[in-house]
Protein backbone atom coordinates (compact mmCIF):
# COMPACT_ATOMS: atom_id res chain seq x y z
CA MET A 1 99.98 74.56 101.87
CA THR A 2 99.71 70.84 102.53
CA ARG A 3 96.13 71.33 103.69
CA LEU A 4 95.39 73.35 100.54
CA ALA A 5 96.70 70.49 98.39
CA ARG A 6 94.60 67.96 100.31
CA PHE A 7 91.55 70.18 100.00
CA LEU A 8 91.91 70.31 96.21
CA ASP A 9 92.59 66.57 95.99
CA GLY A 10 88.98 66.18 97.09
CA PHE A 11 87.93 67.82 93.79
CA ALA A 12 90.00 65.56 91.52
CA SER A 13 86.91 63.82 90.16
CA SER A 14 85.45 67.20 89.14
CA PHE A 15 88.21 67.87 86.61
CA VAL A 16 88.75 66.23 83.21
CA ARG A 17 92.50 65.65 83.66
CA SER A 18 94.69 65.05 86.70
CA ALA A 19 96.91 67.94 85.59
CA HIS A 20 93.95 70.26 86.10
CA VAL A 21 94.05 69.64 89.86
CA GLY A 22 97.64 70.92 89.97
CA LEU A 23 96.75 73.95 87.89
CA ALA A 24 93.75 74.65 90.12
CA SER A 25 96.13 74.51 93.09
CA HIS A 26 98.39 77.05 91.39
CA TYR A 27 95.40 79.29 90.67
CA LEU A 28 94.28 79.23 94.30
CA GLU A 29 97.85 79.92 95.38
CA GLY A 30 97.81 82.94 93.06
CA LEU A 31 94.53 84.17 94.56
CA LEU A 32 96.00 83.79 98.05
CA GLY A 33 99.40 85.22 97.09
CA ASP A 34 100.81 88.73 97.21
CA ALA A 35 100.35 89.85 93.58
CA LYS A 36 99.19 93.45 93.56
CA ARG A 37 96.52 92.62 90.98
CA LYS A 38 95.26 89.06 90.71
CA THR A 39 95.14 88.92 86.93
CA MET A 40 96.49 85.71 85.42
CA GLU A 41 99.63 87.54 84.30
CA GLY A 42 100.11 89.02 87.76
CA MET A 43 99.55 85.71 89.57
CA VAL A 44 101.75 83.50 87.39
CA THR A 45 104.87 85.53 88.23
CA ARG A 46 104.33 84.98 91.98
CA LEU A 47 103.85 81.21 92.08
CA THR A 48 106.21 79.05 94.15
CA GLU A 49 106.50 76.58 91.25
CA PRO A 50 107.06 78.02 87.76
CA VAL A 51 104.10 77.60 85.40
CA HIS A 52 104.13 78.73 81.79
CA TYR A 53 101.67 81.58 81.29
CA GLN A 54 100.11 80.00 78.20
CA VAL A 55 99.38 76.79 80.13
CA PHE A 56 97.93 78.80 83.01
CA GLN A 57 95.71 80.83 80.68
CA HIS A 58 94.56 77.80 78.68
CA PHE A 59 93.47 76.05 81.88
CA ILE A 60 91.07 78.92 82.62
CA THR A 61 89.87 80.01 79.20
CA HIS A 62 90.04 77.09 76.77
CA SER A 63 90.33 73.75 78.58
CA THR A 64 87.40 71.34 78.73
CA TRP A 65 86.51 71.11 82.43
CA GLU A 66 83.08 72.29 83.54
CA VAL A 67 82.30 74.30 86.65
CA GLU A 68 79.05 72.63 87.76
CA PRO A 69 80.78 69.43 89.02
CA VAL A 70 83.12 71.67 91.04
CA TRP A 71 80.18 73.53 92.59
CA LYS A 72 78.33 70.28 93.28
CA ARG A 73 81.39 68.82 94.99
CA LEU A 74 81.89 72.02 97.00
CA ARG A 75 78.30 71.90 98.27
CA SER A 76 78.82 68.29 99.37
CA ARG A 77 82.01 69.16 101.29
CA ILE A 78 80.73 72.07 103.34
CA PRO A 79 81.00 70.82 106.94
CA GLU A 80 78.00 72.79 108.29
CA ARG A 81 74.70 71.55 106.90
CA SER A 82 72.12 73.86 108.44
CA GLY A 83 71.60 77.61 108.32
CA TYR A 84 70.01 80.52 106.50
CA PHE A 85 69.96 80.45 102.70
CA VAL A 86 70.82 83.92 101.37
CA ILE A 87 70.51 84.97 97.72
CA ASP A 88 71.60 88.21 96.10
CA ASP A 89 73.44 89.54 93.07
CA THR A 90 76.65 91.49 92.79
CA SER A 91 77.99 93.58 89.93
CA ILE A 92 81.42 94.22 88.45
CA PRO A 93 81.93 97.37 86.34
CA LYS A 94 83.40 96.64 82.90
CA GLN A 95 84.48 98.76 79.96
CA GLY A 96 83.65 97.81 76.39
CA ARG A 97 81.01 95.43 75.07
CA HIS A 98 82.88 92.19 74.45
CA SER A 99 83.11 90.52 77.87
CA ALA A 100 80.33 87.96 78.28
CA GLY A 101 77.23 89.38 79.94
CA VAL A 102 78.34 93.01 79.91
CA ALA A 103 75.45 95.40 79.38
CA ARG A 104 74.07 98.68 80.64
CA GLN A 105 72.22 97.59 83.76
CA TYR A 106 72.01 98.58 87.39
CA CYS A 107 75.46 98.34 88.95
CA GLY A 108 75.37 98.15 92.74
CA ALA A 109 79.12 98.80 92.93
CA LEU A 110 78.55 102.22 91.33
CA GLY A 111 75.02 102.86 92.54
CA LYS A 112 73.69 103.62 89.05
CA VAL A 113 73.02 102.12 85.62
CA ALA A 114 76.36 101.43 83.95
CA ASN A 115 78.29 98.92 81.89
CA CYS A 116 78.78 95.90 84.13
CA GLN A 117 78.48 92.16 84.64
CA VAL A 118 75.99 90.86 87.18
CA PHE A 119 76.32 87.58 89.09
CA VAL A 120 73.51 85.85 90.99
CA SER A 121 74.82 83.91 93.96
CA SER A 122 73.77 82.13 97.13
CA VAL A 123 75.45 81.35 100.45
CA LEU A 124 74.71 79.35 103.56
CA ARG A 125 74.83 81.56 106.65
CA THR A 126 75.55 79.63 109.84
CA SER A 127 76.20 80.86 113.37
CA SER A 128 79.94 81.10 112.69
CA SER A 129 80.59 81.09 108.94
CA ILE A 130 79.46 81.99 105.44
CA TRP A 131 79.72 79.21 102.84
CA PRO A 132 79.47 79.82 99.06
CA LEU A 133 76.91 77.56 97.37
CA ALA A 134 76.59 78.91 93.82
CA MET A 135 77.40 81.88 91.62
CA GLU A 136 76.23 82.35 88.04
CA LEU A 137 76.70 85.08 85.47
CA TYR A 138 73.39 86.68 84.52
CA LEU A 139 73.02 86.99 80.75
CA PRO A 140 70.71 89.79 79.53
CA GLU A 141 68.39 88.97 76.63
CA SER A 142 70.50 91.11 74.28
CA TRP A 143 73.37 88.66 74.72
CA CYS A 144 71.37 85.49 74.20
CA ALA A 145 69.64 86.71 71.04
CA ASP A 146 72.86 87.76 69.26
CA GLU A 147 74.51 84.67 67.77
CA THR A 148 77.65 86.58 66.76
CA ARG A 149 78.27 87.86 70.30
CA ARG A 150 77.52 84.43 71.73
CA ALA A 151 80.08 82.80 69.44
CA ARG A 152 82.77 85.37 70.21
CA ALA A 153 82.28 84.97 73.97
CA LYS A 154 82.01 81.16 73.64
CA ILE A 155 78.64 80.99 75.38
CA PRO A 156 77.54 77.32 75.25
CA GLU A 157 74.45 76.45 73.21
CA HIS A 158 72.56 75.16 76.25
CA VAL A 159 72.94 78.49 78.09
CA SER A 160 69.93 80.74 77.51
CA HIS A 161 68.53 83.90 79.05
CA ARG A 162 66.94 83.36 82.44
CA SER A 163 65.63 85.92 84.86
CA LYS A 164 67.48 86.43 88.12
CA VAL A 165 64.50 84.92 89.94
CA GLU A 166 64.71 81.76 87.80
CA ILE A 167 68.43 81.46 88.55
CA ALA A 168 67.76 81.98 92.25
CA ILE A 169 65.10 79.24 92.33
CA GLU A 170 67.47 76.79 90.65
CA GLN A 171 70.19 77.61 93.19
CA LEU A 172 67.69 76.99 95.97
CA ASP A 173 66.79 73.61 94.47
CA ASN A 174 70.48 72.69 94.18
CA ALA A 175 70.98 73.49 97.86
CA ILE A 176 67.99 71.34 98.82
CA ALA A 177 69.29 68.49 96.63
CA ALA A 178 72.67 68.77 98.37
CA GLY A 179 70.97 67.98 101.67
CA PHE A 180 71.14 71.34 103.43
CA SER A 181 68.61 72.06 106.15
CA ILE A 182 67.39 75.58 105.33
CA GLU A 183 66.05 77.49 108.32
CA CYS A 184 64.89 80.52 106.30
CA VAL A 185 65.42 82.05 102.83
CA LEU A 186 66.64 85.66 102.93
CA VAL A 187 66.70 88.07 99.98
CA ASP A 188 66.38 91.78 99.25
CA ALA A 189 63.53 93.47 97.39
CA GLY A 190 65.04 92.61 94.00
CA TYR A 191 63.82 89.06 94.62
CA GLY A 192 61.31 89.58 97.43
CA ASP A 193 59.04 91.67 95.19
CA SER A 194 58.49 88.58 93.04
CA SER A 195 55.38 86.72 94.19
CA GLU A 196 56.60 83.87 91.97
CA PHE A 197 59.75 83.61 94.06
CA ARG A 198 57.91 83.74 97.38
CA ARG A 199 55.48 81.09 96.14
CA ALA A 200 58.39 78.86 95.05
CA ILE A 201 59.79 79.01 98.59
CA GLU A 202 56.40 78.12 100.09
CA LEU A 203 55.95 75.18 97.69
CA ARG A 204 59.26 73.77 98.93
CA GLY A 205 58.03 73.86 102.51
CA LEU A 206 60.40 76.64 103.55
CA CYS A 207 59.88 80.00 105.20
CA TYR A 208 61.19 83.32 103.95
CA SER A 209 62.03 86.78 105.19
CA VAL A 210 62.35 89.08 102.20
CA GLY A 211 62.71 92.74 101.42
CA VAL A 212 59.87 94.32 99.41
CA SER A 213 59.39 97.71 97.80
CA LYS A 214 57.16 100.36 99.33
CA GLN A 215 54.48 99.86 96.65
CA THR A 216 53.82 96.25 97.73
CA LYS A 217 50.20 95.88 98.78
CA VAL A 218 48.78 93.89 101.67
CA PHE A 219 45.48 93.31 103.46
CA LEU A 220 45.39 94.27 107.12
CA GLN A 221 42.23 92.15 107.51
CA PRO A 222 41.12 89.13 105.45
CA PRO A 223 39.29 90.28 102.29
CA ARG A 224 35.69 89.25 101.63
CA PHE A 225 34.61 88.53 98.08
CA ARG A 226 31.20 89.05 96.51
CA ARG A 227 29.55 85.90 95.22
CA ASP A 228 28.35 86.81 91.74
CA SER A 229 28.29 84.08 89.09
CA SER A 230 27.78 86.62 86.31
CA ALA A 231 30.99 88.52 87.09
CA LYS A 232 34.03 87.69 84.96
CA ARG A 233 36.32 88.17 87.92
CA PRO A 234 35.84 88.00 91.68
CA ALA A 235 35.18 91.35 93.33
CA LEU A 236 35.53 92.53 96.89
CA ALA A 237 32.30 92.60 98.83
CA ARG A 238 30.84 95.85 100.07
CA GLY A 239 32.61 96.88 103.27
CA SER A 240 35.51 94.47 102.68
CA PRO A 241 38.97 95.83 103.55
CA ARG A 242 40.96 97.11 100.59
CA PRO A 243 44.64 96.36 100.00
CA LYS A 244 47.07 99.08 101.02
CA SER A 245 50.69 99.66 100.11
CA VAL A 246 53.13 98.93 102.91
CA GLU A 247 54.17 102.57 102.77
CA GLU A 248 50.56 103.64 103.41
CA VAL A 249 50.39 101.20 106.34
CA ALA A 250 53.54 102.69 107.88
CA GLU A 251 52.33 106.27 107.46
CA ALA A 252 48.89 105.59 108.94
CA VAL A 253 50.01 104.45 112.41
CA ASP A 254 50.95 106.59 115.38
CA ASP A 255 54.54 106.84 116.57
CA ASP A 256 53.76 104.94 119.76
CA GLN A 257 53.16 101.79 117.72
CA TRP A 258 56.78 101.76 116.58
CA ILE A 259 59.29 100.01 118.83
CA ARG A 260 63.06 100.45 118.98
CA LEU A 261 65.00 97.21 118.75
CA SER A 262 68.62 96.12 118.30
CA TRP A 263 69.46 92.99 116.29
CA ARG A 264 73.27 92.71 116.62
CA ASN A 265 76.42 94.57 117.55
CA GLY A 266 78.22 96.55 114.88
CA THR A 267 81.68 98.12 114.85
CA LYS A 268 80.29 101.19 116.65
CA GLY A 269 77.97 99.44 119.09
CA PRO A 270 74.49 97.88 118.85
CA LEU A 271 72.66 98.29 115.55
CA LYS A 272 69.24 99.81 116.26
CA ALA A 273 66.19 100.98 114.36
CA ASP A 274 62.49 101.63 114.90
CA PHE A 275 60.11 98.89 113.80
CA LEU A 276 56.42 98.46 113.11
CA ILE A 277 55.56 94.75 113.15
CA LEU A 278 52.13 93.53 112.04
CA ARG A 279 50.40 90.40 110.77
CA VAL A 280 49.06 90.95 107.22
CA ARG A 281 48.04 89.03 104.11
CA PRO A 282 49.83 89.61 100.78
CA SER A 283 47.37 90.86 98.16
CA HIS A 284 48.95 89.77 94.86
CA ARG A 285 46.39 88.41 92.38
CA TRP A 286 43.50 89.20 94.70
CA GLU A 287 41.61 90.30 91.59
CA HIS A 288 41.53 86.60 90.62
CA GLY A 289 40.13 85.60 93.98
CA GLN A 290 43.42 84.39 95.42
CA GLN A 291 43.84 84.60 99.18
CA HIS A 292 47.09 84.10 101.06
CA ASP A 293 48.10 83.06 104.54
CA GLU A 294 49.12 85.66 107.08
CA VAL A 295 52.75 86.75 107.20
CA TRP A 296 54.76 89.28 109.15
CA LEU A 297 55.00 92.81 107.79
CA ILE A 298 58.11 94.53 109.11
CA CYS A 299 58.41 98.28 108.56
CA GLU A 300 61.81 99.65 109.54
CA ARG A 301 62.96 103.22 109.86
CA THR A 302 66.48 104.26 110.72
CA VAL A 303 67.12 106.31 113.83
CA GLY A 304 67.92 109.94 113.13
CA LYS A 305 66.74 113.09 111.47
CA ASP A 306 66.88 111.77 107.91
CA SER A 307 65.25 108.40 108.56
CA VAL A 308 65.07 105.79 105.80
CA ARG A 309 62.27 103.27 105.58
CA LYS A 310 62.61 99.63 104.56
CA PHE A 311 59.94 96.97 104.30
CA TYR A 312 59.95 93.19 104.65
CA LEU A 313 57.49 90.30 104.45
CA SER A 314 58.29 87.22 106.51
CA SER A 315 56.59 83.81 106.71
CA LEU A 316 58.46 82.94 109.91
CA PRO A 317 56.17 81.32 112.55
CA PRO A 318 53.49 83.63 114.03
CA ASP A 319 54.49 82.76 117.61
CA LEU A 320 58.11 83.85 117.10
CA GLU A 321 59.20 86.84 119.18
CA PRO A 322 59.34 90.03 117.07
CA LYS A 323 62.97 90.62 118.04
CA GLU A 324 63.87 87.16 116.73
CA VAL A 325 62.00 87.81 113.47
CA ILE A 326 64.02 90.99 113.01
CA ARG A 327 67.31 89.30 113.92
CA ILE A 328 66.77 86.56 111.34
CA THR A 329 65.66 89.03 108.67
CA HIS A 330 68.87 91.01 109.12
CA GLU A 331 71.08 87.95 108.65
CA ARG A 332 70.95 88.85 104.97
CA TRP A 333 73.85 91.25 105.63
CA ALA A 334 76.14 88.18 105.55
CA ILE A 335 76.09 88.01 101.77
CA GLU A 336 77.22 91.65 101.56
CA MET A 337 80.24 90.72 103.70
CA HIS A 338 80.79 87.72 101.45
CA TYR A 339 80.90 89.92 98.33
CA ARG A 340 83.24 92.36 100.03
CA ASP A 341 85.66 89.58 100.94
CA LEU A 342 85.48 87.96 97.49
CA LYS A 343 86.42 91.26 95.87
CA GLN A 344 88.87 92.73 98.37
CA GLU A 345 90.57 89.56 99.58
CA LEU A 346 90.27 87.13 96.65
CA ALA A 347 90.11 89.38 93.59
CA LEU A 348 86.75 88.28 92.23
CA ASP A 349 86.67 91.48 90.16
CA ASP A 350 90.29 91.37 88.91
CA PHE A 351 89.63 88.85 86.13
CA GLU A 352 90.28 90.35 82.70
CA GLY A 353 89.13 87.51 80.44
CA ARG A 354 86.17 88.03 78.13
CA LEU A 355 85.06 84.44 77.48
CA PHE A 356 82.09 82.91 79.28
CA PRO A 357 83.92 79.67 80.29
CA GLY A 358 86.86 81.60 81.71
CA ILE A 359 84.62 83.88 83.77
CA ALA A 360 82.68 80.90 85.16
CA ARG A 361 85.91 79.06 86.07
CA HIS A 362 87.46 82.09 87.74
CA VAL A 363 84.31 82.51 89.84
CA ALA A 364 84.27 78.82 90.84
CA LEU A 365 87.95 78.81 91.84
CA THR A 366 87.47 82.03 93.79
CA ALA A 367 84.68 80.26 95.71
CA LEU A 368 87.04 77.33 96.43
CA ALA A 369 89.65 79.74 97.82
CA TYR A 370 86.97 81.35 100.00
CA ALA A 371 85.77 77.96 101.28
CA PHE A 372 89.35 76.92 102.05
CA LEU A 373 89.83 80.06 104.17
CA GLN A 374 86.61 79.30 106.05
CA LEU A 375 87.90 75.78 106.75
CA GLU A 376 91.11 77.30 108.07
CA ARG A 377 89.08 79.58 110.35
CA ARG A 378 87.32 76.53 111.76
CA ARG A 379 90.68 75.11 112.84
CA SER A 380 91.12 77.96 115.31
CA ARG A 381 90.46 76.98 118.90
CA ALA A 382 90.14 80.60 119.98
CA ALA A 383 86.84 81.74 121.44
CA LYS A 384 86.67 84.30 118.63
CA PRO A 385 88.19 82.93 115.37
CA PRO A 386 90.21 85.32 113.19
CA THR A 387 88.33 87.32 110.59
CA LEU A 388 88.58 86.09 107.04
CA ASN A 389 90.71 89.03 105.91
CA ALA A 390 93.12 88.59 108.85
CA LEU A 391 93.44 84.91 108.00
CA ARG A 392 93.96 85.67 104.31
CA ARG A 393 96.82 88.05 105.21
CA GLY A 394 98.41 85.29 107.27
CA VAL A 395 98.09 82.78 104.42
CA THR A 396 99.53 85.35 102.02
CA GLU A 397 102.59 85.72 104.27
CA VAL A 398 103.09 81.95 104.22
CA VAL A 399 102.76 81.79 100.42
CA THR A 400 105.16 84.70 100.00
CA ALA A 401 107.72 83.16 102.39
CA ILE A 402 107.64 79.90 100.43
CA LEU A 403 108.00 81.85 97.18
CA PHE A 404 111.16 83.60 98.39
CA ALA A 405 112.59 80.44 99.93
CA SER A 406 112.02 78.30 96.83
CA ASN A 407 113.11 80.78 94.15
CA GLU A 408 116.88 80.87 93.58
CA ARG A 409 116.83 84.44 92.28
CA PHE A 410 114.96 85.74 95.32
CA ALA A 411 117.11 83.65 97.66
CA LYS A 412 120.27 85.18 96.15
CA ILE A 413 118.88 88.71 96.54
CA ILE A 414 118.16 88.05 100.22
CA ALA A 415 121.58 86.48 100.78
CA ASP A 416 123.35 89.42 99.10
CA PHE A 417 121.31 91.84 101.19
CA ILE A 418 122.28 90.02 104.41
CA ARG A 419 126.00 90.01 103.47
CA ALA A 420 126.05 93.64 102.36
CA PRO A 421 127.99 95.90 104.80
CA PRO A 422 125.93 98.53 106.61
CA ARG A 423 125.86 101.98 105.08
CA ARG A 424 127.73 104.76 106.77
CA ALA A 425 125.83 107.84 107.90
CA GLY A 426 125.58 110.35 105.06
CA SER A 427 126.58 107.89 102.36
């Protein structure tokens, strides 16, 4: 608990008032405590120091501190400065229409279109840890165009609709500005299908390994264009290769061109799949005469009767071993683990507030709690540090013990229980 207090002292300059640091400490204690549901009402009753509920709620929903200074300070305090930059979005199902950002959109938690909030976030994946870098609520256009809904949810005037790709690019720029050395950018097809996003990564001098949909087209050989000054647009020369979808590429090759590789150990042994790995050229905007450098095309099919195919494009170096290309590409799984831990261990999805500022602050403080647990993991001298959920359970036991020891009512209950005579059999 002393280390938690010291950790939060490092964020004092990010808050408007000194009292906010203490309230942030209480909030993190609530997230790490033993409340069955981590709503504000549930957390405030389990704090080691009594805090009035109205003060607790005001700190989250109506006070004046902003989240971006907190995020900026967090990025500066992450002890590991090099790794894979992973971007994705996560959804939280919601009922009603009044919580900021709620709309009918694809909800990964339910696997279908439903009422939910969607958050775009990024993490730094290192050899030993996952570090949160940013998380932002995605606002659909319907929210930004409706002034009445904006006012009710207290969405600031400067916040406008941005695509998920635009949010992701800004988060990438913030990570670069924070001084991180990014070894590779990893995303799923929701972002990898965007040629704008891939181009943004290239312009920043970084490499990527991204999921793409099966309709994505590539050239297996460099295209040749016809030189015709009268044509409005460039055209492929006679005999030039035509672009093919990655699905067509995968279906056209013989089985002996696929290789079986493992990229890491899972809970049930090595994770394996069959891969087709080729050098190709992306074909987007070829109709305008654009040509692109070669990249890796990775076609993956799961092992088994009902195999599933996945596709990736990767600008990792051409001399890299295929197994290493695949290993790096699959590091994207780290952000799925991150979302699981945020929801199951730190109650990311338990927040019941409807206002935009409150949602943003809850998300930022949840990220601080997650980062604190990762720092605690780093203190372990064991060859294999404890998992984050095992560590969180240990911290929860400490918080609960302090709660019972410091609360007179609980202490009296324990003392009375200890003094009570044992029950006789049958009584």
